[in-house]
Amino acid sequence: METSGLNKNAGLTMLKLGTCSRTSLHVLNDGFGQSLPAEERAAEPLAGGIMLQGQQVAGCSGAQTLAAGAEAYRRFAARDQAIGAAIAAARELVESLAVKHLVVDPDAVKR
C-alpha cells in the first residue's frame, strides 16, 4: 500500500516524540517535506486534550491544522490565498475527525 511519502513508521515516531499532537504535526510536516522541530515541540501543550483537559481529538486535530496552515503559507505567496487554503484544510480535517470519532457537535469542545 502506498503512503504518498508519509512516514510509514508513525508508531515508532510516536514513541520517539512522546505525544500525539507532536507526532501528528511531525508526520504531516515530513509528508510535506518540511522539518519544523521547534514548531513540533510547541504543539506539545495540545497533547492530552489541550493541557490535559480532555477532548484528546482536539489535540491531534489542532496539530494537524497547524501543519496544514504551515504548508498553505509555504505554497501560496499571496497571504489571502494562504489563509483561505489553511482555513479550508482545517475545516476538512475537523469534518474528517468528526466523522471518524462520531463527534456530533463541534461546539461541544468550547463548553
Protein backbone atom coordinates (compact mmCIF):
# COMPACT_ATOMS: atom_id res chain seq x y z
CA MET A 1 0.00 0.00 0.00
CA GLU A 2 1.36 3.42 -0.98
CA THR A 3 1.52 6.15 1.64
CA SER A 4 2.33 9.09 -0.65
CA GLY A 5 5.60 9.77 1.15
CA LEU A 6 4.06 9.93 4.62
CA ASN A 7 6.01 8.42 7.47
CA LYS A 8 5.42 4.66 7.36
CA ASN A 9 6.58 4.26 10.95
CA ALA A 10 4.24 6.65 12.76
CA GLY A 11 4.07 4.30 15.76
CA LEU A 12 7.84 4.41 16.21
CA THR A 13 7.75 8.17 15.69
CA MET A 14 5.13 8.43 18.44
CA LEU A 15 7.39 6.51 20.83
CA LYS A 16 10.29 8.80 19.97
CA LEU A 17 8.40 12.11 20.19
CA GLY A 18 6.09 11.20 23.03
CA THR A 19 2.81 12.98 22.27
CA CYS A 20 0.05 12.52 19.71
CA SER A 21 -0.06 16.21 18.83
CA ARG A 22 3.68 16.45 18.21
CA THR A 23 3.67 13.17 16.27
CA SER A 24 0.74 14.29 14.08
CA LEU A 25 2.49 17.54 13.27
CA HIS A 26 5.80 15.76 12.60
CA VAL A 27 4.27 13.11 10.31
CA LEU A 28 2.42 15.71 8.26
CA ASN A 29 5.42 18.04 8.06
CA ASP A 30 7.53 15.07 6.99
CA GLY A 31 4.95 14.25 4.30
CA PHE A 32 5.18 17.84 3.05
CA GLY A 33 8.99 17.56 3.00
CA GLN A 34 9.42 20.04 5.87
CA SER A 35 11.44 19.87 9.07
CA LEU A 36 9.97 22.12 11.77
CA PRO A 37 11.22 20.72 15.10
CA ALA A 38 10.60 23.92 17.10
CA GLU A 39 7.01 24.11 15.86
CA GLU A 40 6.51 20.42 16.61
CA ARG A 41 7.71 20.92 20.20
CA ALA A 42 5.38 23.92 20.50
CA ALA A 43 2.41 21.63 19.73
CA GLU A 44 3.01 19.53 22.86
CA PRO A 45 0.56 21.51 25.07
CA LEU A 46 -2.20 20.24 22.76
CA ALA A 47 -1.49 16.69 23.92
CA GLY A 48 -3.93 15.02 26.25
CA GLY A 49 -6.72 17.25 25.08
CA ILE A 50 -5.29 20.75 25.32
CA MET A 51 -3.27 20.84 28.50
CA LEU A 52 -4.82 17.63 29.88
CA GLN A 53 -8.37 18.97 29.93
CA GLY A 54 -9.87 16.11 27.90
CA GLN A 55 -11.04 16.20 24.28
CA GLN A 56 -7.97 14.28 23.05
CA VAL A 57 -9.14 14.51 19.45
CA ALA A 58 -8.77 18.29 19.75
CA GLY A 59 -5.03 17.94 20.36
CA CYS A 60 -4.43 15.88 17.23
CA SER A 61 -6.73 17.99 15.08
CA GLY A 62 -5.06 21.16 16.36
CA ALA A 63 -1.64 19.84 15.44
CA GLN A 64 -2.86 18.70 12.03
CA THR A 65 -4.40 22.12 11.43
CA LEU A 66 -1.08 23.77 12.30
CA ALA A 67 0.72 21.56 9.78
CA ALA A 68 -1.84 22.33 7.08
CA GLY A 69 -1.54 26.05 7.80
CA ALA A 70 2.25 25.95 7.60
CA GLU A 71 2.05 24.14 4.28
CA ALA A 72 -0.52 26.63 2.93
CA TYR A 73 1.81 29.53 3.78
CA ARG A 74 4.70 27.71 2.11
CA ARG A 75 2.71 27.03 -1.09
CA PHE A 76 0.97 30.37 -1.62
CA ALA A 77 2.81 33.67 -1.93
CA ALA A 78 -0.39 35.68 -1.61
CA ARG A 79 -1.28 35.94 2.10
CA ASP A 80 -5.05 35.95 1.50
CA GLN A 81 -4.77 32.81 -0.64
CA ALA A 82 -2.69 31.06 2.04
CA ILE A 83 -5.20 31.99 4.75
CA GLY A 84 -8.08 30.69 2.63
CA ALA A 85 -6.28 27.42 1.92
CA ALA A 86 -5.38 26.98 5.60
CA ILE A 87 -8.99 27.56 6.68
CA ALA A 88 -10.33 25.16 4.04
CA ALA A 89 -7.83 22.48 5.09
CA ALA A 90 -8.69 22.98 8.78
CA ARG A 91 -12.39 22.63 8.00
CA GLU A 92 -11.80 19.39 6.11
CA LEU A 93 -9.60 17.98 8.89
CA VAL A 94 -12.19 18.74 11.57
CA GLU A 95 -15.02 17.30 9.46
CA SER A 96 -12.96 14.15 8.80
CA LEU A 97 -12.23 13.68 12.50
CA ALA A 98 -15.86 14.36 13.40
CA VAL A 99 -16.98 11.51 11.13
CA LYS A 100 -14.30 9.10 12.39
CA HIS A 101 -14.96 9.85 16.06
CA LEU A 102 -18.72 10.35 15.83
CA VAL A 103 -18.49 13.92 17.07
CA VAL A 104 -21.93 15.44 16.53
CA ASP A 105 -21.48 18.92 17.99
CA PRO A 106 -18.12 20.57 17.21
CA ASP A 107 -19.03 23.44 19.58
CA ALA A 108 -19.10 20.95 22.48
CA VAL A 109 -15.32 21.38 22.80
CA LYS A 110 -15.94 25.03 23.80
CA ARG A 111 -18.31 24.17 26.66
